[in-house]
Amino acid sequence: MKRLLTGLLVALSGCMPSPPPPPAEQLDAQILAVEYTSEDEIRSPLGDLVVPLPEQWSLLPPSPELVEGTVGLALDSTLTMALVVQRIPPTAAIEATRDVRTIARVCFERRLQRTGNTIRAMSSFGIVGRDSLRIGTYEFIETLPTDTTYRKRTRVGVIPTATGAVYELSLTPIVLTLDRNTDERQLDSVFRFFLQIVRVR
């Protein structure tokens, strides 16, 4: 009898429905990694993030005027775009989550406080997938009332690494004169390319 009940329980356990799989991560875009090497690159002190610079881009020397945590700053040859890589200091809010979308939101709120509420988000907080790498994304504009003719839309990629560090990769248009505005589609293309070639470990 005991053997019969044991067999019955084993049989029933095999018929029990398995628990539902965890919900699939909602990606806003899937991009391919691009192998790209360059003589010039922005490299974090820990070596856990490397951004090769395309031709016609120049790495600027370090300056004490840069925001604390800035890893590197580069300009394109036409002086219409700037790439800034910064390490985000660890906070309780960042360490409390592994969700890249949430980390991107926390990074924006930090930027908002640091700039005295002079920026405004221009997109939702997204996630871009590249193989197993997840990159948070958002965009913002400056809201200073100095000139409303052209608003600089900055694109930001938020990149966690295996060391536990979090970096922001920001592409900002440079407006020297109003007749030299950078095309938004070109900015989108360059930003996407940087997300494809950045190396993370």
Protein backbone atom coordinates (compact mmCIF):
# COMPACT_ATOMS: atom_id res chain seq x y z
CA MET A 1 0.00 0.00 0.00
CA LYS A 2 2.77 2.40 0.92
CA ARG A 3 4.58 1.56 -2.29
CA LEU A 4 1.37 2.19 -4.26
CA LEU A 5 0.86 5.63 -2.66
CA THR A 6 4.49 6.56 -3.33
CA GLY A 7 4.15 5.60 -6.98
CA LEU A 8 0.90 7.56 -7.25
CA LEU A 9 2.51 10.69 -5.77
CA VAL A 10 5.45 10.40 -8.16
CA ALA A 11 3.10 10.05 -11.11
CA LEU A 12 1.01 13.03 -10.01
CA SER A 13 4.07 15.17 -9.44
CA GLY A 14 5.09 14.57 -13.05
CA CYS A 15 1.71 15.86 -14.20
CA MET A 16 1.83 18.99 -12.12
CA PRO A 17 2.28 22.13 -14.22
CA SER A 18 5.73 23.65 -13.92
CA PRO A 19 5.95 27.18 -12.58
CA PRO A 20 5.60 29.85 -15.24
CA PRO A 21 8.87 31.17 -16.65
CA PRO A 22 10.00 34.60 -15.50
CA PRO A 23 8.66 37.42 -17.66
CA ALA A 24 10.84 38.21 -20.65
CA GLU A 25 12.84 41.38 -20.34
CA GLN A 26 11.25 44.10 -22.40
CA LEU A 27 13.88 45.49 -24.77
CA ASP A 28 13.22 48.65 -26.74
CA ALA A 29 15.85 47.76 -29.33
CA GLN A 30 18.29 44.97 -30.14
CA ILE A 31 21.59 45.99 -31.73
CA LEU A 32 24.61 44.08 -32.95
CA ALA A 33 28.05 44.48 -31.43
CA VAL A 34 30.61 45.85 -33.88
CA GLU A 35 34.30 44.97 -33.53
CA TYR A 36 36.13 48.27 -33.86
CA THR A 37 39.69 49.14 -32.92
CA SER A 38 41.31 52.54 -32.90
CA GLU A 39 44.54 54.17 -31.81
CA ASP A 40 42.54 56.64 -29.74
CA GLU A 41 40.08 55.47 -27.11
CA ILE A 42 38.42 56.47 -23.89
CA ARG A 43 39.31 53.92 -21.21
CA SER A 44 38.05 53.81 -17.64
CA PRO A 45 40.68 53.63 -14.87
CA LEU A 46 39.41 50.14 -13.98
CA GLY A 47 39.67 49.03 -17.61
CA ASP A 48 36.09 47.74 -17.45
CA LEU A 49 34.83 50.11 -20.16
CA VAL A 50 36.58 51.12 -23.39
CA VAL A 51 35.17 53.39 -26.11
CA PRO A 52 37.24 53.34 -29.33
CA LEU A 53 37.09 56.70 -31.11
CA PRO A 54 36.22 56.69 -34.82
CA GLU A 55 38.44 58.48 -37.30
CA GLN A 56 38.09 62.26 -37.25
CA TRP A 57 37.35 62.22 -33.51
CA SER A 58 39.84 63.76 -31.09
CA LEU A 59 40.37 62.94 -27.44
CA LEU A 60 40.69 66.08 -25.33
CA PRO A 61 43.25 66.26 -22.51
CA PRO A 62 41.96 66.00 -18.92
CA SER A 63 40.84 69.27 -17.36
CA PRO A 64 40.00 70.19 -13.75
CA GLU A 65 36.96 72.02 -15.10
CA LEU A 66 35.28 68.76 -16.09
CA VAL A 67 32.59 67.27 -13.88
CA GLU A 68 33.90 64.91 -11.21
CA GLY A 69 33.89 61.33 -12.43
CA THR A 70 34.53 62.27 -16.07
CA VAL A 71 36.53 59.49 -17.70
CA GLY A 72 37.00 61.14 -21.10
CA LEU A 73 35.80 63.80 -23.51
CA ALA A 74 36.07 63.68 -27.31
CA LEU A 75 35.01 65.95 -30.19
CA ASP A 76 34.32 65.18 -33.84
CA SER A 77 36.32 66.98 -36.54
CA THR A 78 33.47 69.34 -37.46
CA LEU A 79 33.03 70.45 -33.83
CA THR A 80 29.32 69.64 -33.96
CA MET A 81 29.28 66.69 -31.52
CA ALA A 82 30.84 65.91 -28.16
CA LEU A 83 31.13 62.51 -26.48
CA VAL A 84 31.44 62.47 -22.69
CA VAL A 85 32.01 59.32 -20.61
CA GLN A 86 31.44 59.60 -16.86
CA ARG A 87 31.49 57.13 -14.01
CA ILE A 88 28.41 57.46 -11.81
CA PRO A 89 29.21 57.29 -8.10
CA PRO A 90 27.53 54.38 -6.32
CA THR A 91 24.33 55.23 -4.48
CA ALA A 92 21.88 53.22 -2.42
CA ALA A 93 19.27 53.59 -5.17
CA ILE A 94 21.61 52.15 -7.82
CA GLU A 95 22.91 49.35 -5.62
CA ALA A 96 19.35 48.35 -4.68
CA THR A 97 18.41 47.30 -8.23
CA ARG A 98 19.76 45.34 -11.17
CA ASP A 99 17.16 46.73 -13.55
CA VAL A 100 19.00 48.87 -16.11
CA ARG A 101 15.90 50.92 -16.88
CA THR A 102 15.63 51.89 -13.21
CA ILE A 103 19.34 52.69 -13.06
CA ALA A 104 18.93 55.01 -16.07
CA ARG A 105 16.09 56.80 -14.29
CA VAL A 106 18.23 57.22 -11.14
CA CYS A 107 21.09 58.61 -13.26
CA PHE A 108 18.77 61.16 -14.87
CA GLU A 109 17.44 62.26 -11.48
CA ARG A 110 21.03 62.71 -10.30
CA ARG A 111 21.80 64.79 -13.40
CA LEU A 112 18.63 66.81 -12.82
CA GLN A 113 19.68 67.70 -9.27
CA ARG A 114 23.25 68.44 -10.30
CA THR A 115 22.12 70.91 -13.00
CA GLY A 116 19.61 72.69 -10.77
CA ASN A 117 16.55 71.40 -12.67
CA THR A 118 17.69 73.08 -15.90
CA ILE A 119 17.13 69.97 -18.03
CA ARG A 120 14.03 68.07 -19.09
CA ALA A 121 13.66 64.44 -20.14
CA MET A 122 12.67 64.06 -23.79
CA SER A 123 12.12 60.32 -23.89
CA SER A 124 11.08 57.41 -21.77
CA PHE A 125 13.77 55.35 -20.08
CA GLY A 126 14.61 52.43 -22.34
CA ILE A 127 16.78 49.32 -22.57
CA VAL A 128 18.91 48.41 -25.56
CA GLY A 129 20.13 44.83 -25.81
CA ARG A 130 23.48 43.83 -27.34
CA ASP A 131 24.18 40.14 -26.86
CA SER A 132 24.10 39.77 -23.04
CA LEU A 133 24.86 43.46 -22.46
CA ARG A 134 22.00 45.72 -21.37
CA ILE A 135 22.27 49.48 -21.83
CA GLY A 136 19.80 51.93 -20.34
CA THR A 137 18.92 54.94 -22.50
CA TYR A 138 17.31 58.34 -22.16
CA GLU A 139 17.41 61.76 -23.80
CA PHE A 140 17.18 65.25 -22.38
CA ILE A 141 17.31 68.88 -23.44
CA GLU A 142 18.51 71.97 -21.64
CA THR A 143 15.68 74.26 -20.53
CA LEU A 144 17.68 77.44 -19.99
CA PRO A 145 15.67 80.36 -21.39
CA THR A 146 18.67 81.87 -23.21
CA ASP A 147 17.65 80.74 -26.68
CA THR A 148 14.60 78.78 -27.79
CA THR A 149 15.58 78.60 -31.48
CA TYR A 150 17.45 75.30 -31.07
CA ARG A 151 17.30 72.92 -28.15
CA LYS A 152 20.29 70.63 -27.69
CA ARG A 153 19.02 67.06 -27.40
CA THR A 154 21.56 64.90 -25.57
CA ARG A 155 21.45 61.12 -25.94
CA VAL A 156 22.65 59.07 -22.98
CA GLY A 157 23.57 55.40 -22.63
CA VAL A 158 23.81 54.01 -19.09
CA ILE A 159 26.18 51.04 -18.94
CA PRO A 160 26.70 48.80 -15.88
CA THR A 161 29.84 46.64 -15.88
CA ALA A 162 30.80 43.38 -14.22
CA THR A 163 32.89 45.28 -11.67
CA GLY A 164 29.72 46.89 -10.28
CA ALA A 165 30.52 50.29 -11.79
CA VAL A 166 27.99 52.31 -13.79
CA TYR A 167 29.00 54.63 -16.64
CA GLU A 168 27.14 57.22 -18.68
CA LEU A 169 28.03 57.67 -22.33
CA SER A 170 26.55 61.00 -23.50
CA LEU A 171 26.44 62.39 -27.04
CA THR A 172 25.68 66.10 -27.14
CA PRO A 173 25.34 68.41 -30.17
CA ILE A 174 27.54 71.50 -30.14
CA VAL A 175 25.85 74.67 -31.38
CA LEU A 176 28.43 77.23 -32.45
CA THR A 177 26.11 79.09 -34.82
CA LEU A 178 22.44 78.51 -35.59
CA ASP A 179 23.23 77.74 -39.23
CA ARG A 180 25.39 74.76 -38.20
CA ASN A 181 22.88 72.61 -36.36
CA THR A 182 23.67 68.91 -36.33
CA ASP A 183 21.09 66.75 -38.06
CA GLU A 184 19.10 64.71 -35.53
CA ARG A 185 19.25 61.58 -37.69
CA GLN A 186 23.03 61.86 -37.83
CA LEU A 187 23.17 62.17 -34.05
CA ASP A 188 20.97 59.07 -33.70
CA SER A 189 23.26 57.16 -36.07
CA VAL A 190 26.47 58.20 -34.28
CA PHE A 191 24.99 57.42 -30.86
CA ARG A 192 23.89 53.97 -32.01
CA PHE A 193 27.38 53.33 -33.42
CA PHE A 194 29.01 54.18 -30.09
CA LEU A 195 26.65 51.76 -28.33
CA GLN A 196 27.71 49.10 -30.83
CA ILE A 197 31.47 49.55 -30.44
CA VAL A 198 31.77 50.20 -26.68
CA ARG A 199 33.59 47.33 -24.97
CA VAL A 200 32.57 46.25 -21.49
CA ARG A 201 33.88 43.65 -19.10
